[in-house]
C-alpha atoms as a PDB file:
ATOM      1  CA  UNK A   1     -66.631  28.597 -62.737  1.00  0.00           C
ATOM      2  CA  UNK A   2     -63.065  28.262 -64.006  1.00  0.00           C
ATOM      3  CA  UNK A   3     -61.088  25.978 -61.690  1.00  0.00           C
ATOM      4  CA  UNK A   4     -57.465  26.916 -61.075  1.00  0.00           C
ATOM      5  CA  UNK A   5     -54.786  24.445 -62.164  1.00  0.00           C
ATOM      6  CA  UNK A   6     -52.373  25.655 -59.478  1.00  0.00           C
ATOM      7  CA  UNK A   7     -49.876  27.047 -61.990  1.00  0.00           C
ATOM      8  CA  UNK A   8     -51.540  30.348 -62.933  1.00  0.00           C
ATOM      9  CA  UNK A   9     -53.774  28.806 -65.604  1.00  0.00           C
ATOM     10  CA  UNK A  10     -57.383  27.691 -65.541  1.00  0.00           C
ATOM     11  CA  UNK A  11     -59.094  24.431 -66.415  1.00  0.00           C
ATOM     12  CA  UNK A  12     -62.223  23.906 -68.473  1.00  0.00           C
ATOM     13  CA  UNK A  13     -65.341  25.756 -67.265  1.00  0.00           C
ATOM     14  CA  UNK A  14     -67.612  23.968 -64.801  1.00  0.00           C
ATOM     15  CA  UNK A  15     -71.226  25.130 -64.837  1.00  0.00           C
ATOM     16  CA  UNK A  16     -73.234  25.445 -61.637  1.00  0.00           C
ATOM     17  CA  UNK A  17     -76.977  25.803 -61.982  1.00  0.00           C
ATOM     18  CA  UNK A  18     -78.808  28.533 -60.079  1.00  0.00           C
ATOM     19  CA  UNK A  19     -82.454  29.503 -60.360  1.00  0.00           C
ATOM     20  CA  UNK A  20     -81.855  33.246 -60.775  1.00  0.00           C
ATOM     21  CA  UNK A  21     -79.367  35.756 -62.203  1.00  0.00           C
ATOM     22  CA  UNK A  22     -76.084  35.866 -60.241  1.00  0.00           C
ATOM     23  CA  UNK A  23     -74.736  39.402 -59.700  1.00  0.00           C
ATOM     24  CA  UNK A  24     -71.609  38.515 -57.731  1.00  0.00           C
ATOM     25  CA  UNK A  25     -70.061  35.593 -55.879  1.00  0.00           C
ATOM     26  CA  UNK A  26     -67.614  35.352 -53.007  1.00  0.00           C
ATOM     27  CA  UNK A  27     -65.524  32.209 -52.573  1.00  0.00           C
ATOM     28  CA  UNK A  28     -64.418  30.885 -49.183  1.00  0.00           C
ATOM     29  CA  UNK A  29     -64.653  27.934 -46.856  1.00  0.00           C
ATOM     30  CA  UNK A  30     -67.751  29.260 -45.110  1.00  0.00           C
ATOM     31  CA  UNK A  31     -68.803  26.010 -43.435  1.00  0.00           C
ATOM     32  CA  UNK A  32     -65.238  25.044 -42.403  1.00  0.00           C
ATOM     33  CA  UNK A  33     -65.215  21.648 -44.140  1.00  0.00           C
ATOM     34  CA  UNK A  34     -61.973  22.288 -46.053  1.00  0.00           C
ATOM     35  CA  UNK A  35     -63.749  22.742 -49.421  1.00  0.00           C
ATOM     36  CA  UNK A  36     -64.273  26.079 -51.200  1.00  0.00           C
ATOM     37  CA  UNK A  37     -67.885  27.286 -51.115  1.00  0.00           C
ATOM     38  CA  UNK A  38     -69.659  30.142 -52.882  1.00  0.00           C
ATOM     39  CA  UNK A  39     -71.982  32.815 -51.556  1.00  0.00           C
ATOM     40  CA  UNK A  40     -73.823  34.368 -54.500  1.00  0.00           C
ATOM     41  CA  UNK A  41     -75.906  37.513 -54.656  1.00  0.00           C
ATOM     42  CA  UNK A  42     -78.865  37.086 -56.979  1.00  0.00           C
ATOM     43  CA  UNK A  43     -81.786  39.100 -58.325  1.00  0.00           C
ATOM     44  CA  UNK A  44     -85.135  38.491 -59.970  1.00  0.00           C
ATOM     45  CA  UNK A  45     -86.588  36.526 -57.045  1.00  0.00           C
ATOM     46  CA  UNK A  46     -90.409  36.672 -57.054  1.00  0.00           C
ATOM     47  CA  UNK A  47     -91.876  38.620 -54.078  1.00  0.00           C
ATOM     48  CA  UNK A  48     -88.357  39.440 -52.934  1.00  0.00           C
ATOM     49  CA  UNK A  49     -86.254  40.995 -55.674  1.00  0.00           C
ATOM     50  CA  UNK A  50     -82.703  40.541 -54.389  1.00  0.00           C
ATOM     51  CA  UNK A  51     -81.177  37.831 -52.252  1.00  0.00           C
ATOM     52  CA  UNK A  52     -78.298  35.502 -51.575  1.00  0.00           C
ATOM     53  CA  UNK A  53     -77.679  31.807 -52.054  1.00  0.00           C
ATOM     54  CA  UNK A  54     -75.088  29.587 -50.387  1.00  0.00           C
ATOM     55  CA  UNK A  55     -73.566  26.971 -52.689  1.00  0.00           C
ATOM     56  CA  UNK A  56     -71.710  24.273 -50.777  1.00  0.00           C
ATOM     57  CA  UNK A  57     -68.500  23.055 -52.403  1.00  0.00           C
ATOM     58  CA  UNK A  58     -68.397  19.349 -53.197  1.00  0.00           C
ATOM     59  CA  UNK A  59     -64.588  19.263 -53.324  1.00  0.00           C
ATOM     60  CA  UNK A  60     -64.399  18.514 -57.049  1.00  0.00           C
ATOM     61  CA  UNK A  61     -65.141  21.950 -58.511  1.00  0.00           C
ATOM     62  CA  UNK A  62     -68.908  21.518 -58.362  1.00  0.00           C
ATOM     63  CA  UNK A  63     -71.378  22.993 -55.897  1.00  0.00           C
ATOM     64  CA  UNK A  64     -74.689  22.024 -54.318  1.00  0.00           C
ATOM     65  CA  UNK A  65     -77.146  24.922 -54.238  1.00  0.00           C
ATOM     66  CA  UNK A  66     -78.752  25.731 -50.920  1.00  0.00           C
ATOM     67  CA  UNK A  67     -81.569  27.929 -49.665  1.00  0.00           C
ATOM     68  CA  UNK A  68     -82.247  31.320 -51.227  1.00  0.00           C
ATOM     69  CA  UNK A  69     -82.568  34.165 -48.711  1.00  0.00           C
ATOM     70  CA  UNK A  70     -84.088  37.593 -49.339  1.00  0.00           C
ATOM     71  CA  UNK A  71     -81.857  40.576 -48.555  1.00  0.00           C
ATOM     72  CA  UNK A  72     -82.778  43.987 -47.205  1.00  0.00           C
ATOM     73  CA  UNK A  73     -79.406  45.336 -48.430  1.00  0.00           C
ATOM     74  CA  UNK A  74     -78.641  45.735 -52.124  1.00  0.00           C
ATOM     75  CA  UNK A  75     -76.686  42.622 -53.166  1.00  0.00           C
ATOM     76  CA  UNK A  76     -74.150  44.608 -55.178  1.00  0.00           C
ATOM     77  CA  UNK A  77     -72.665  45.909 -51.914  1.00  0.00           C
ATOM     78  CA  UNK A  78     -73.046  42.747 -49.833  1.00  0.00           C
ATOM     79  CA  UNK A  79     -69.434  41.666 -50.421  1.00  0.00           C
ATOM     80  CA  UNK A  80     -68.241  44.940 -48.872  1.00  0.00           C
ATOM     81  CA  UNK A  81     -70.088  44.194 -45.625  1.00  0.00           C
ATOM     82  CA  UNK A  82     -68.514  40.762 -44.958  1.00  0.00           C
ATOM     83  CA  UNK A  83     -65.161  40.567 -46.738  1.00  0.00           C
ATOM     84  CA  UNK A  84     -63.108  37.385 -46.548  1.00  0.00           C
ATOM     85  CA  UNK A  85     -59.489  36.679 -47.370  1.00  0.00           C
ATOM     86  CA  UNK A  86     -60.503  34.921 -50.588  1.00  0.00           C
ATOM     87  CA  UNK A  87     -62.903  37.172 -52.442  1.00  0.00           C
ATOM     88  CA  UNK A  88     -63.932  36.718 -56.007  1.00  0.00           C
ATOM     89  CA  UNK A  89     -66.405  38.956 -57.723  1.00  0.00           C
ATOM     90  CA  UNK A  90     -67.893  38.057 -61.061  1.00  0.00           C
ATOM     91  CA  UNK A  91     -70.243  39.941 -63.280  1.00  0.00           C
ATOM     92  CA  UNK A  92     -72.733  37.921 -65.239  1.00  0.00           C
END
């Protein structure tokens, strides 16, 4: 994650640990606590294949990983199904 400095530049990278490969992530305040969160699509989950993981924002550029959920829909198109005003897609 590269945090924004508020002037069009980015700060030093902040790493967030996940258990699986992240395909894409969408940023937004999903739990309405005023802090940016991430919803990541992931793959390589045993007995599942593809899924999603909610990462709750801690308010300091770091995130706390939550439960992994299996998806019936391909994760590469998940962000098209539930767009938000603050989308960010990353390829890893």
